[in-house]
Amino acid sequence: MPIKSYLAHPCEGKKDALIASLSSIAQCELLPAENEDVVIVITDTSTEEEDQQLKSRLDNLEALKLLVLVSGFDTPKNP
């Protein structure tokens, strides 16, 4: 299952709107920075296809200015 972490940069003045949008997505965990206009987003999906769909959904958020992948890996499937 793909697990990835991103830095999400909101459009100017839209950090709260971005947090609200991201909070409504079940595969996302958020860690909003207190002193900067950035949100750490951790995603956890079951398949590569689900991961691609989630990435597309994230890229289309209106309050999102920039999404930067920080780390990503696939956990091995149990036999």
C-alpha atoms as a PDB file:
ATOM      1  CA  MET A   1       0.000   0.000   0.000  1.00  0.00           C
ATOM      2  CA  PRO A   2       1.425   3.383  -0.992  1.00  0.00           C
ATOM      3  CA  ILE A   3       2.167   5.763   1.872  1.00  0.00           C
ATOM      4  CA  LYS A   4       3.323   9.246   0.916  1.00  0.00           C
ATOM      5  CA  SER A   5       4.011  12.553   2.626  1.00  0.00           C
ATOM      6  CA  TYR A   6       3.570  15.953   1.028  1.00  0.00           C
ATOM      7  CA  LEU A   7       4.005  19.607   1.861  1.00  0.00           C
ATOM      8  CA  ALA A   8       0.848  21.413   0.812  1.00  0.00           C
ATOM      9  CA  HIS A   9       1.138  25.147   0.211  1.00  0.00           C
ATOM     10  CA  PRO A  10      -2.210  26.967   0.179  1.00  0.00           C
ATOM     11  CA  CYS A  11      -3.179  29.868  -2.029  1.00  0.00           C
ATOM     12  CA  GLU A  12      -2.744  33.178  -0.215  1.00  0.00           C
ATOM     13  CA  GLY A  13      -5.219  33.455   2.663  1.00  0.00           C
ATOM     14  CA  LYS A  14      -6.687  29.988   2.031  1.00  0.00           C
ATOM     15  CA  LYS A  15      -4.911  27.831   4.619  1.00  0.00           C
ATOM     16  CA  ASP A  16      -8.113  27.190   6.599  1.00  0.00           C
ATOM     17  CA  ALA A  17     -10.020  26.319   3.418  1.00  0.00           C
ATOM     18  CA  LEU A  18      -7.248  23.919   2.383  1.00  0.00           C
ATOM     19  CA  ILE A  19      -7.268  22.251   5.800  1.00  0.00           C
ATOM     20  CA  ALA A  20     -11.051  21.858   5.605  1.00  0.00           C
ATOM     21  CA  SER A  21     -10.839  20.306   2.131  1.00  0.00           C
ATOM     22  CA  LEU A  22      -8.037  17.930   3.090  1.00  0.00           C
ATOM     23  CA  SER A  23      -9.789  16.942   6.333  1.00  0.00           C
ATOM     24  CA  SER A  24     -12.735  15.625   4.344  1.00  0.00           C
ATOM     25  CA  ILE A  25     -10.539  13.081   2.518  1.00  0.00           C
ATOM     26  CA  ALA A  26     -10.423   9.765   4.399  1.00  0.00           C
ATOM     27  CA  GLN A  27      -6.967   8.732   3.109  1.00  0.00           C
ATOM     28  CA  CYS A  28      -5.296  11.920   4.403  1.00  0.00           C
ATOM     29  CA  GLU A  29      -3.829  12.797   7.788  1.00  0.00           C
ATOM     30  CA  LEU A  30      -2.862  16.424   8.369  1.00  0.00           C
ATOM     31  CA  LEU A  31      -0.281  18.252  10.435  1.00  0.00           C
ATOM     32  CA  PRO A  32      -0.786  22.000   9.917  1.00  0.00           C
ATOM     33  CA  ALA A  33       2.237  24.145  10.722  1.00  0.00           C
ATOM     34  CA  GLU A  34       1.555  26.700  13.428  1.00  0.00           C
ATOM     35  CA  ASN A  35       4.127  29.260  12.321  1.00  0.00           C
ATOM     36  CA  GLU A  36       4.084  28.870   8.521  1.00  0.00           C
ATOM     37  CA  ASP A  37       1.535  28.729   5.735  1.00  0.00           C
ATOM     38  CA  VAL A  38       2.065  25.023   5.023  1.00  0.00           C
ATOM     39  CA  VAL A  39       0.317  21.746   5.818  1.00  0.00           C
ATOM     40  CA  ILE A  40       2.000  18.349   6.045  1.00  0.00           C
ATOM     41  CA  VAL A  41      -0.211  15.743   4.394  1.00  0.00           C
ATOM     42  CA  ILE A  42       0.267  11.996   4.912  1.00  0.00           C
ATOM     43  CA  THR A  43      -1.635   9.750   2.513  1.00  0.00           C
ATOM     44  CA  ASP A  44      -2.305   6.041   2.875  1.00  0.00           C
ATOM     45  CA  THR A  45      -3.980   4.130   0.055  1.00  0.00           C
ATOM     46  CA  SER A  46      -4.617   0.447  -0.654  1.00  0.00           C
ATOM     47  CA  THR A  47      -3.507   0.278  -4.276  1.00  0.00           C
ATOM     48  CA  GLU A  48      -1.458   2.210  -6.796  1.00  0.00           C
ATOM     49  CA  GLU A  49      -4.667   3.024  -8.690  1.00  0.00           C
ATOM     50  CA  GLU A  50      -6.283   4.465  -5.553  1.00  0.00           C
ATOM     51  CA  ASP A  51      -3.102   6.470  -4.944  1.00  0.00           C
ATOM     52  CA  GLN A  52      -3.271   7.963  -8.464  1.00  0.00           C
ATOM     53  CA  GLN A  53      -6.941   8.870  -7.980  1.00  0.00           C
ATOM     54  CA  LEU A  54      -6.149  10.530  -4.658  1.00  0.00           C
ATOM     55  CA  LYS A  55      -3.244  12.495  -6.176  1.00  0.00           C
ATOM     56  CA  SER A  56      -5.544  13.742  -8.924  1.00  0.00           C
ATOM     57  CA  ARG A  57      -8.117  14.796  -6.327  1.00  0.00           C
ATOM     58  CA  LEU A  58      -5.464  16.632  -4.309  1.00  0.00           C
ATOM     59  CA  ASP A  59      -4.132  18.424  -7.396  1.00  0.00           C
ATOM     60  CA  ASN A  60      -7.621  19.775  -8.115  1.00  0.00           C
ATOM     61  CA  LEU A  61      -8.276  21.377  -4.718  1.00  0.00           C
ATOM     62  CA  GLU A  62      -9.099  25.061  -5.253  1.00  0.00           C
ATOM     63  CA  ALA A  63      -7.241  26.286  -2.149  1.00  0.00           C
ATOM     64  CA  LEU A  64      -4.045  24.396  -3.072  1.00  0.00           C
ATOM     65  CA  LYS A  65      -1.241  26.396  -4.668  1.00  0.00           C
ATOM     66  CA  LEU A  66       1.527  23.764  -4.630  1.00  0.00           C
ATOM     67  CA  LEU A  67       1.847  20.130  -3.532  1.00  0.00           C
ATOM     68  CA  VAL A  68       5.373  18.786  -3.032  1.00  0.00           C
ATOM     69  CA  LEU A  69       6.092  15.079  -2.525  1.00  0.00           C
ATOM     70  CA  VAL A  70       8.536  14.677   0.356  1.00  0.00           C
ATOM     71  CA  SER A  71       8.633  10.904   0.743  1.00  0.00           C
ATOM     72  CA  GLY A  72       6.841   7.906  -0.655  1.00  0.00           C
ATOM     73  CA  PHE A  73       7.082   4.159  -0.405  1.00  0.00           C
ATOM     74  CA  ASP A  74       5.049   1.000  -0.864  1.00  0.00           C
ATOM     75  CA  THR A  75       4.729  -1.396   2.037  1.00  0.00           C
ATOM     76  CA  PRO A  76       5.178  -5.052   1.069  1.00  0.00           C
ATOM     77  CA  LYS A  77       2.066  -7.169   0.768  1.00  0.00           C
ATOM     78  CA  ASN A  78       1.754 -10.070   3.197  1.00  0.00           C
ATOM     79  CA  PRO A  79       1.779 -13.466   1.465  1.00  0.00           C
END
